[in-house]
Amino acid sequence: MTPLVFCAVLLAGALGAVLRYLTSRLLARESEPAGFPFAVLAVNCVGSFVSGLVIGWATADGLSAEWELILVTGFAGGLTTFSTWSVETIQVLRQGRLLAGILSPVVNLVAGFALLVAGIALTGA
């Protein structure tokens, strides 16, 4: 990895992380009454879809390995979050919201994987 690609991965990761934070602030107010961590679901779904598109383009030789690294590892990696998802799931369960605590992991995994596959499929790869 060249120093330029390294810096690009860092910057893309920072951009993804900032977008994740802004999404959490925007959706936290909207989803509080519903009791479901929609912000984490949103960023995980978007990140999975973006990753699918990028992987599909890279597979079809339309995107270099460097750009794949920058966009999947950097941007999508900074945008998506496993740790926040885990913490929020435990918090929801501790608050006694059993249904949301069970649905959050299931919906994140199923939707994330489905959107990853959809992104790949849209590229024709």
N, C-alpha and C. Protein backbone atom coordinates (compact mmCIF):
# COMPACT_ATOMS: atom_id res chain seq x y z
N MET A 1 0.85 -1.17 0.00
CA MET A 1 0.00 0.00 0.00
C MET A 1 0.90 1.23 0.00
N THR A 2 0.60 2.12 -0.92
CA THR A 2 1.38 3.35 -1.01
C THR A 2 0.93 4.34 0.08
N PRO A 3 1.79 5.30 0.39
CA PRO A 3 1.39 6.31 1.37
C PRO A 3 0.13 7.08 0.95
N LEU A 4 -0.03 7.30 -0.35
CA LEU A 4 -1.21 8.02 -0.83
C LEU A 4 -2.49 7.20 -0.59
N VAL A 5 -2.45 5.91 -0.87
CA VAL A 5 -3.61 5.05 -0.64
C VAL A 5 -3.89 4.96 0.85
N PHE A 6 -2.84 4.85 1.67
CA PHE A 6 -3.00 4.82 3.12
C PHE A 6 -3.74 6.06 3.60
N CYS A 7 -3.32 7.23 3.13
CA CYS A 7 -3.98 8.48 3.53
C CYS A 7 -5.41 8.55 3.02
N ALA A 8 -5.64 8.03 1.82
CA ALA A 8 -6.99 8.03 1.26
C ALA A 8 -7.92 7.14 2.08
N VAL A 9 -7.42 5.98 2.53
CA VAL A 9 -8.22 5.10 3.40
C VAL A 9 -8.55 5.81 4.70
N LEU A 10 -7.56 6.50 5.28
CA LEU A 10 -7.80 7.26 6.51
C LEU A 10 -8.87 8.33 6.31
N LEU A 11 -8.76 9.09 5.25
CA LEU A 11 -9.72 10.16 5.00
C LEU A 11 -11.12 9.61 4.71
N ALA A 12 -11.18 8.53 3.93
CA ALA A 12 -12.48 7.92 3.63
C ALA A 12 -13.12 7.37 4.90
N GLY A 13 -12.30 6.76 5.76
CA GLY A 13 -12.80 6.26 7.04
C GLY A 13 -13.32 7.38 7.93
N ALA A 14 -12.59 8.49 7.93
CA ALA A 14 -13.03 9.64 8.72
C ALA A 14 -14.35 10.19 8.19
N LEU A 15 -14.48 10.27 6.88
CA LEU A 15 -15.73 10.74 6.28
C LEU A 15 -16.88 9.82 6.65
N GLY A 16 -16.67 8.51 6.55
CA GLY A 16 -17.70 7.55 6.93
C GLY A 16 -18.09 7.69 8.39
N ALA A 17 -17.10 7.87 9.26
CA ALA A 17 -17.38 8.00 10.69
C ALA A 17 -18.17 9.28 10.99
N VAL A 18 -17.83 10.37 10.32
CA VAL A 18 -18.57 11.62 10.52
C VAL A 18 -20.01 11.46 10.02
N LEU A 19 -20.20 10.82 8.89
CA LEU A 19 -21.56 10.59 8.39
C LEU A 19 -22.35 9.69 9.33
N ARG A 20 -21.67 8.70 9.93
CA ARG A 20 -22.35 7.84 10.90
C ARG A 20 -22.80 8.67 12.10
N TYR A 21 -21.94 9.53 12.60
CA TYR A 21 -22.29 10.38 13.74
C TYR A 21 -23.47 11.29 13.40
N LEU A 22 -23.41 11.93 12.24
CA LEU A 22 -24.50 12.83 11.84
C LEU A 22 -25.81 12.07 11.68
N THR A 23 -25.73 10.87 11.13
CA THR A 23 -26.93 10.04 10.99
C THR A 23 -27.49 9.67 12.35
N SER A 24 -26.62 9.33 13.28
CA SER A 24 -27.10 8.97 14.62
C SER A 24 -27.77 10.15 15.31
N ARG A 25 -27.23 11.34 15.11
CA ARG A 25 -27.84 12.53 15.71
C ARG A 25 -29.18 12.83 15.05
N LEU A 26 -29.25 12.70 13.75
CA LEU A 26 -30.48 12.99 13.01
C LEU A 26 -31.58 11.98 13.34
N LEU A 27 -31.24 10.70 13.31
CA LEU A 27 -32.25 9.67 13.50
C LEU A 27 -32.53 9.33 14.96
N ALA A 28 -31.64 9.70 15.86
CA ALA A 28 -31.86 9.39 17.27
C ALA A 28 -33.14 10.04 17.77
N ARG A 29 -33.35 11.27 17.40
CA ARG A 29 -34.55 11.99 17.83
C ARG A 29 -35.80 11.37 17.22
N GLU A 30 -35.68 10.93 15.98
CA GLU A 30 -36.83 10.38 15.27
C GLU A 30 -37.20 8.98 15.77
N SER A 31 -36.20 8.19 16.16
CA SER A 31 -36.46 6.79 16.50
C SER A 31 -36.64 6.55 17.99
N GLU A 32 -36.36 7.54 18.83
CA GLU A 32 -36.49 7.36 20.27
C GLU A 32 -37.86 6.83 20.68
N PRO A 33 -38.95 7.43 20.20
CA PRO A 33 -40.26 6.94 20.64
C PRO A 33 -40.53 5.50 20.20
N ALA A 34 -39.97 5.09 19.07
CA ALA A 34 -40.20 3.73 18.58
C ALA A 34 -39.41 2.70 19.36
N GLY A 35 -38.33 3.13 20.01
CA GLY A 35 -37.54 2.23 20.82
C GLY A 35 -36.65 1.29 20.04
N PHE A 36 -36.43 1.57 18.76
CA PHE A 36 -35.59 0.72 17.93
C PHE A 36 -34.40 1.54 17.44
N PRO A 37 -33.18 1.00 17.49
CA PRO A 37 -31.99 1.76 17.06
C PRO A 37 -31.89 1.87 15.53
N PHE A 38 -32.72 2.74 14.95
CA PHE A 38 -32.78 2.89 13.50
C PHE A 38 -31.52 3.51 12.91
N ALA A 39 -30.83 4.37 13.64
CA ALA A 39 -29.63 5.02 13.09
C ALA A 39 -28.56 3.99 12.76
N VAL A 40 -28.33 3.06 13.66
CA VAL A 40 -27.33 2.01 13.41
C VAL A 40 -27.77 1.14 12.24
N LEU A 41 -29.04 0.81 12.19
CA LEU A 41 -29.55 0.02 11.07
C LEU A 41 -29.33 0.76 9.76
N ALA A 42 -29.61 2.05 9.74
CA ALA A 42 -29.47 2.83 8.51
C ALA A 42 -28.03 2.84 8.02
N VAL A 43 -27.07 3.13 8.90
CA VAL A 43 -25.68 3.19 8.44
C VAL A 43 -25.15 1.81 8.05
N ASN A 44 -25.58 0.78 8.76
CA ASN A 44 -25.13 -0.57 8.41
C ASN A 44 -25.71 -1.00 7.06
N CYS A 45 -26.95 -0.63 6.78
CA CYS A 45 -27.56 -0.98 5.49
C CYS A 45 -26.90 -0.20 4.35
N VAL A 46 -26.71 1.09 4.53
CA VAL A 46 -26.06 1.90 3.49
C VAL A 46 -24.64 1.40 3.25
N GLY A 47 -23.90 1.16 4.31
CA GLY A 47 -22.53 0.67 4.17
C GLY A 47 -22.46 -0.68 3.49
N SER A 48 -23.39 -1.56 3.79
CA SER A 48 -23.42 -2.87 3.14
C SER A 48 -23.73 -2.73 1.65
N PHE A 49 -24.67 -1.87 1.32
CA PHE A 49 -25.04 -1.66 -0.09
C PHE A 49 -23.87 -1.05 -0.87
N VAL A 50 -23.24 -0.04 -0.29
CA VAL A 50 -22.08 0.59 -0.93
C VAL A 50 -20.97 -0.46 -1.13
N SER A 51 -20.73 -1.27 -0.11
CA SER A 51 -19.71 -2.32 -0.22
C SER A 51 -20.05 -3.28 -1.34
N GLY A 52 -21.31 -3.66 -1.46
CA GLY A 52 -21.72 -4.55 -2.54
C GLY A 52 -21.48 -3.96 -3.90
N LEU A 53 -21.84 -2.68 -4.06
CA LEU A 53 -21.60 -2.01 -5.34
C LEU A 53 -20.11 -1.98 -5.67
N VAL A 54 -19.31 -1.61 -4.70
CA VAL A 54 -17.87 -1.50 -4.92
C VAL A 54 -17.26 -2.87 -5.23
N ILE A 55 -17.62 -3.88 -4.47
CA ILE A 55 -17.10 -5.23 -4.71
C ILE A 55 -17.52 -5.72 -6.10
N GLY A 56 -18.77 -5.44 -6.47
CA GLY A 56 -19.24 -5.81 -7.80
C GLY A 56 -18.45 -5.13 -8.90
N TRP A 57 -18.23 -3.83 -8.77
CA TRP A 57 -17.45 -3.10 -9.78
C TRP A 57 -16.02 -3.60 -9.84
N ALA A 58 -15.44 -3.87 -8.68
CA ALA A 58 -14.06 -4.37 -8.64
C ALA A 58 -13.98 -5.75 -9.28
N THR A 59 -14.97 -6.59 -9.04
CA THR A 59 -15.01 -7.93 -9.62
C THR A 59 -15.11 -7.86 -11.14
N ALA A 60 -15.86 -6.89 -11.63
CA ALA A 60 -16.03 -6.73 -13.07
C ALA A 60 -14.86 -5.96 -13.69
N ASP A 61 -13.79 -5.79 -12.94
CA ASP A 61 -12.58 -5.07 -13.39
C ASP A 61 -12.84 -3.62 -13.75
N GLY A 62 -13.87 -3.05 -13.17
CA GLY A 62 -14.14 -1.65 -13.43
C GLY A 62 -13.58 -0.73 -12.36
N LEU A 63 -12.98 -1.32 -11.34
CA LEU A 63 -12.49 -0.53 -10.22
C LEU A 63 -11.19 -1.15 -9.73
N SER A 64 -10.21 -0.32 -9.47
CA SER A 64 -8.91 -0.84 -9.03
C SER A 64 -8.98 -1.36 -7.60
N ALA A 65 -8.02 -2.17 -7.25
CA ALA A 65 -7.92 -2.71 -5.89
C ALA A 65 -7.73 -1.59 -4.88
N GLU A 66 -7.05 -0.52 -5.29
CA GLU A 66 -6.83 0.61 -4.38
C GLU A 66 -8.15 1.30 -4.06
N TRP A 67 -8.97 1.52 -5.09
CA TRP A 67 -10.26 2.16 -4.86
C TRP A 67 -11.19 1.26 -4.05
N GLU A 68 -11.11 -0.03 -4.29
CA GLU A 68 -11.90 -0.97 -3.50
C GLU A 68 -11.51 -0.86 -2.02
N LEU A 69 -10.23 -0.80 -1.74
CA LEU A 69 -9.74 -0.66 -0.37
C LEU A 69 -10.21 0.66 0.24
N ILE A 70 -10.09 1.73 -0.51
CA ILE A 70 -10.48 3.05 -0.01
C ILE A 70 -11.97 3.10 0.31
N LEU A 71 -12.78 2.57 -0.60
CA LEU A 71 -14.23 2.69 -0.44
C LEU A 71 -14.83 1.66 0.52
N VAL A 72 -14.34 0.42 0.48
CA VAL A 72 -14.92 -0.61 1.35
C VAL A 72 -14.31 -0.53 2.75
N THR A 73 -12.99 -0.60 2.83
CA THR A 73 -12.35 -0.59 4.15
C THR A 73 -12.42 0.80 4.78
N GLY A 74 -12.14 1.82 3.98
CA GLY A 74 -12.16 3.18 4.51
C GLY A 74 -13.55 3.71 4.74
N PHE A 75 -14.25 4.06 3.63
CA PHE A 75 -15.55 4.72 3.77
C PHE A 75 -16.60 3.83 4.44
N ALA A 76 -16.86 2.65 3.86
CA ALA A 76 -17.92 1.79 4.42
C ALA A 76 -17.53 1.29 5.81
N GLY A 77 -16.24 1.02 6.01
CA GLY A 77 -15.79 0.59 7.34
C GLY A 77 -15.97 1.68 8.39
N GLY A 78 -15.75 2.93 8.00
CA GLY A 78 -15.96 4.03 8.93
C GLY A 78 -17.44 4.34 9.16
N LEU A 79 -18.24 4.10 8.14
CA LEU A 79 -19.67 4.37 8.22
C LEU A 79 -20.40 3.32 9.07
N THR A 80 -20.11 2.06 8.82
CA THR A 80 -20.81 1.00 9.53
C THR A 80 -20.23 0.81 10.92
N THR A 81 -20.98 0.12 11.76
CA THR A 81 -20.52 -0.03 13.13
C THR A 81 -21.04 -1.31 13.77
N PHE A 82 -20.12 -2.14 14.17
CA PHE A 82 -20.48 -3.34 14.90
C PHE A 82 -20.55 -3.05 16.40
N SER A 83 -19.61 -2.26 16.88
CA SER A 83 -19.55 -2.00 18.33
C SER A 83 -20.76 -1.21 18.81
N THR A 84 -21.14 -0.16 18.09
CA THR A 84 -22.31 0.62 18.50
C THR A 84 -23.57 -0.23 18.42
N TRP A 85 -23.67 -1.03 17.39
CA TRP A 85 -24.82 -1.93 17.23
C TRP A 85 -24.89 -2.89 18.42
N SER A 86 -23.77 -3.45 18.82
CA SER A 86 -23.74 -4.36 19.97
C SER A 86 -24.14 -3.66 21.26
N VAL A 87 -23.56 -2.48 21.49
CA VAL A 87 -23.86 -1.73 22.71
C VAL A 87 -25.32 -1.32 22.75
N GLU A 88 -25.84 -0.80 21.63
CA GLU A 88 -27.24 -0.37 21.61
C GLU A 88 -28.20 -1.54 21.79
N THR A 89 -27.84 -2.70 21.27
CA THR A 89 -28.68 -3.88 21.47
C THR A 89 -28.75 -4.25 22.94
N ILE A 90 -27.62 -4.22 23.63
CA ILE A 90 -27.61 -4.50 25.07
C ILE A 90 -28.39 -3.43 25.83
N GLN A 91 -28.24 -2.18 25.45
CA GLN A 91 -28.98 -1.11 26.12
C GLN A 91 -30.48 -1.28 25.95
N VAL A 92 -30.91 -1.63 24.75
CA VAL A 92 -32.33 -1.84 24.48
C VAL A 92 -32.85 -3.00 25.35
N LEU A 93 -32.08 -4.07 25.42
CA LEU A 93 -32.49 -5.21 26.25
C LEU A 93 -32.54 -4.83 27.73
N ARG A 94 -31.58 -4.06 28.20
CA ARG A 94 -31.57 -3.63 29.61
C ARG A 94 -32.74 -2.72 29.94
N GLN A 95 -33.25 -2.02 28.93
CA GLN A 95 -34.41 -1.15 29.13
C GLN A 95 -35.71 -1.94 29.08
N GLY A 96 -35.60 -3.25 28.89
CA GLY A 96 -36.79 -4.09 28.88
C GLY A 96 -37.51 -4.16 27.56
N ARG A 97 -36.87 -3.66 26.50
CA ARG A 97 -37.50 -3.69 25.18
C ARG A 97 -37.03 -4.96 24.45
N LEU A 98 -37.59 -6.07 24.87
CA LEU A 98 -37.17 -7.38 24.39
C LEU A 98 -37.33 -7.53 22.88
N LEU A 99 -38.46 -7.13 22.34
CA LEU A 99 -38.70 -7.28 20.90
C LEU A 99 -37.67 -6.51 20.09
N ALA A 100 -37.43 -5.26 20.44
CA ALA A 100 -36.43 -4.46 19.73
C ALA A 100 -35.04 -5.05 19.90
N GLY A 101 -34.74 -5.58 21.08
CA GLY A 101 -33.44 -6.19 21.34
C GLY A 101 -33.20 -7.46 20.54
N ILE A 102 -34.27 -8.16 20.22
CA ILE A 102 -34.15 -9.37 19.40
C ILE A 102 -34.15 -8.99 17.91
N LEU A 103 -35.01 -8.06 17.55
CA LEU A 103 -35.13 -7.69 16.14
C LEU A 103 -33.90 -6.95 15.61
N SER A 104 -33.26 -6.14 16.43
CA SER A 104 -32.13 -5.35 15.97
C SER A 104 -31.02 -6.22 15.36
N PRO A 105 -30.53 -7.24 16.05
CA PRO A 105 -29.49 -8.07 15.42
C PRO A 105 -29.99 -8.80 14.17
N VAL A 106 -31.18 -9.31 14.25
CA VAL A 106 -31.73 -10.07 13.11
C VAL A 106 -31.89 -9.17 11.89
N VAL A 107 -32.51 -8.01 12.07
CA VAL A 107 -32.75 -7.10 10.96
C VAL A 107 -31.43 -6.56 10.41
N ASN A 108 -30.48 -6.21 11.28
CA ASN A 108 -29.18 -5.72 10.81
C ASN A 108 -28.46 -6.76 9.96
N LEU A 109 -28.45 -8.01 10.42
CA LEU A 109 -27.76 -9.06 9.67
C LEU A 109 -28.46 -9.38 8.35
N VAL A 110 -29.76 -9.58 8.40
CA VAL A 110 -30.49 -9.96 7.19
C VAL A 110 -30.49 -8.82 6.18
N ALA A 111 -30.83 -7.63 6.62
CA ALA A 111 -30.88 -6.48 5.69
C ALA A 111 -29.49 -6.15 5.17
N GLY A 112 -28.50 -6.16 6.04
CA GLY A 112 -27.13 -5.85 5.60
C GLY A 112 -26.64 -6.83 4.56
N PHE A 113 -26.84 -8.11 4.80
CA PHE A 113 -26.41 -9.12 3.83
C PHE A 113 -27.20 -9.00 2.53
N ALA A 114 -28.50 -8.80 2.64
CA ALA A 114 -29.34 -8.67 1.44
C ALA A 114 -28.92 -7.46 0.60
N LEU A 115 -28.61 -6.35 1.25
CA LEU A 115 -28.19 -5.16 0.52
C LEU A 115 -26.80 -5.31 -0.07
N LEU A 116 -25.93 -6.03 0.59
CA LEU A 116 -24.62 -6.34 0.03
C LEU A 116 -24.78 -7.13 -1.27
N VAL A 117 -25.60 -8.17 -1.20
CA VAL A 117 -25.85 -9.00 -2.38
C VAL A 117 -26.54 -8.19 -3.48
N ALA A 118 -27.49 -7.33 -3.11
CA ALA A 118 -28.17 -6.49 -4.09
C ALA A 118 -27.20 -5.55 -4.78
N GLY A 119 -26.28 -4.97 -4.01
CA GLY A 119 -25.28 -4.09 -4.60
C GLY A 119 -24.41 -4.81 -5.61
N ILE A 120 -23.98 -6.01 -5.25
CA ILE A 120 -23.17 -6.82 -6.19
C ILE A 120 -23.99 -7.14 -7.42
N ALA A 121 -25.24 -7.56 -7.22
CA ALA A 121 -26.10 -7.94 -8.34
C ALA A 121 -26.35 -6.77 -9.29
N LEU A 122 -26.49 -5.57 -8.76
CA LEU A 122 -26.73 -4.41 -9.61
C LEU A 122 -25.58 -4.10 -10.56
N THR A 123 -24.39 -4.55 -10.20
CA THR A 123 -23.23 -4.32 -11.07
C THR A 123 -23.10 -5.39 -12.14
N GLY A 124 -23.90 -6.44 -12.00
CA GLY A 124 -23.83 -7.53 -12.97
C GLY A 124 -22.69 -8.50 -12.70
N ALA A 125 -22.06 -8.37 -11.57
CA ALA A 125 -20.92 -9.25 -11.25
C ALA A 125 -21.39 -10.60 -10.76
